[in-house]
Amino acid sequence: MRQFKILLDSLCFGAGPRRHDNRLYYSPMTHELLRVKQGGQVAERSKREQMPIACVLGGPARRTLFLLSSESIDPDACRAKRNSRIETTEVEVAGAGWP
């Protein structure tokens, strides 16, 4: 069976294929969340206390960015410390489709 390497995790697209600003949110598995323009240019960099693990756009207008964060991505460390949390912030561009 072919083995795959995860190159990027925790992607969240704003306005997807019908996008009007060609941007996405993701975490490079560091203590920051990036908003990236089409072509890879970083449009916004947000420093975080904890490492962003996953994000999704939701809420009534699909403009709430929900961000799961923790000090670690190791499941055993997360269970032991119990300090993971879900943070929210409002964004300008609504999400596309439904997760």
Protein backbone atom coordinates (compact mmCIF):
# COMPACT_ATOMS: atom_id res chain seq x y z
CA MET A 1 0.00 0.00 0.00
CA ARG A 2 1.29 3.47 -0.88
CA GLN A 3 2.23 5.68 2.08
CA PHE A 4 1.26 9.34 2.10
CA LYS A 5 2.99 12.13 3.96
CA ILE A 6 0.85 14.90 5.44
CA LEU A 7 2.26 18.17 4.13
CA LEU A 8 -0.41 20.50 5.46
CA ASP A 9 -3.29 20.21 7.90
CA SER A 10 -5.96 22.52 9.28
CA LEU A 11 -7.18 24.28 6.13
CA CYS A 12 -10.23 26.51 6.06
CA PHE A 13 -11.36 28.14 2.82
CA GLY A 14 -13.14 31.47 2.68
CA ALA A 15 -15.68 31.56 -0.16
CA GLY A 16 -14.21 28.43 -1.83
CA PRO A 17 -14.62 27.96 -5.60
CA ARG A 18 -17.01 30.90 -5.60
CA ARG A 19 -14.49 32.95 -3.66
CA HIS A 20 -14.14 36.64 -4.24
CA ASP A 21 -10.87 37.16 -2.40
CA ASN A 22 -8.98 33.89 -3.15
CA ARG A 23 -7.82 33.32 0.44
CA LEU A 24 -7.64 30.50 2.93
CA TYR A 25 -6.81 30.10 6.61
CA TYR A 26 -4.36 27.52 7.90
CA SER A 27 -1.86 26.76 10.62
CA PRO A 28 1.68 25.73 9.72
CA MET A 29 1.62 23.75 13.02
CA THR A 30 3.30 26.60 14.89
CA HIS A 31 1.80 29.15 17.30
CA GLU A 32 0.24 31.20 14.52
CA LEU A 33 -2.70 31.18 12.16
CA LEU A 34 -2.12 32.39 8.60
CA ARG A 35 -4.49 33.84 6.02
CA VAL A 36 -2.94 33.18 2.63
CA LYS A 37 -3.76 34.65 -0.78
CA GLN A 38 -3.91 32.58 -3.94
CA GLY A 39 -0.31 31.97 -5.01
CA GLY A 40 0.94 31.57 -1.43
CA GLN A 41 1.44 35.17 -0.27
CA VAL A 42 0.70 35.57 3.45
CA ALA A 43 -2.03 38.22 3.80
CA GLU A 44 -2.32 38.06 7.59
CA ARG A 45 -0.38 36.41 10.40
CA SER A 46 -2.01 35.95 13.81
CA LYS A 47 0.20 34.91 16.75
CA ARG A 48 -1.56 32.51 19.13
CA GLU A 49 -0.93 31.43 22.74
CA GLN A 50 -1.44 27.80 21.74
CA MET A 51 -0.90 25.93 18.49
CA PRO A 52 -3.90 26.03 16.13
CA ILE A 53 -4.83 22.46 15.23
CA ALA A 54 -8.01 22.82 13.18
CA CYS A 55 -10.22 25.63 11.95
CA VAL A 56 -13.59 25.99 10.26
CA LEU A 57 -15.84 28.86 9.21
CA GLY A 58 -19.37 28.67 10.62
CA GLY A 59 -22.02 30.59 12.51
CA PRO A 60 -25.22 32.13 11.11
CA ALA A 61 -23.48 34.17 8.39
CA ARG A 62 -20.52 31.71 8.01
CA ARG A 63 -18.19 34.53 9.16
CA THR A 64 -17.18 33.04 12.51
CA LEU A 65 -13.80 31.33 12.44
CA PHE A 66 -13.75 28.50 14.99
CA LEU A 67 -10.21 27.53 15.95
CA LEU A 68 -9.24 24.44 17.95
CA SER A 69 -5.93 25.03 19.74
CA SER A 70 -3.70 23.20 22.21
CA GLU A 71 -0.15 23.25 23.57
CA SER A 72 0.55 19.96 21.81
CA ILE A 73 -0.68 17.73 19.00
CA ASP A 74 0.28 14.60 20.93
CA PRO A 75 -2.98 12.90 22.02
CA ASP A 76 -1.52 11.64 25.32
CA ALA A 77 -0.16 15.09 26.24
CA CYS A 78 -3.53 16.68 25.36
CA ARG A 79 -5.41 14.21 27.57
CA ALA A 80 -2.96 14.74 30.44
CA LYS A 81 -2.92 18.56 30.35
CA ARG A 82 -6.58 19.06 29.34
CA ASN A 83 -5.87 22.59 28.12
CA SER A 84 -7.16 22.42 24.55
CA ARG A 85 -9.78 25.01 23.69
CA ILE A 86 -12.01 26.36 20.94
CA GLU A 87 -11.51 30.04 20.15
CA THR A 88 -13.68 32.19 17.87
CA THR A 89 -13.20 35.37 15.88
CA GLU A 90 -15.25 37.14 13.24
CA VAL A 91 -13.82 37.42 9.70
CA GLU A 92 -14.69 39.59 6.71
CA VAL A 93 -15.25 36.88 4.10
CA ALA A 94 -17.87 34.17 4.64
CA GLY A 95 -17.07 30.49 4.27
CA ALA A 96 -18.14 28.50 1.23
CA GLY A 97 -20.31 25.40 1.49
CA TRP A 98 -20.64 23.46 4.70
CA PRO A 99 -17.98 21.46 6.52
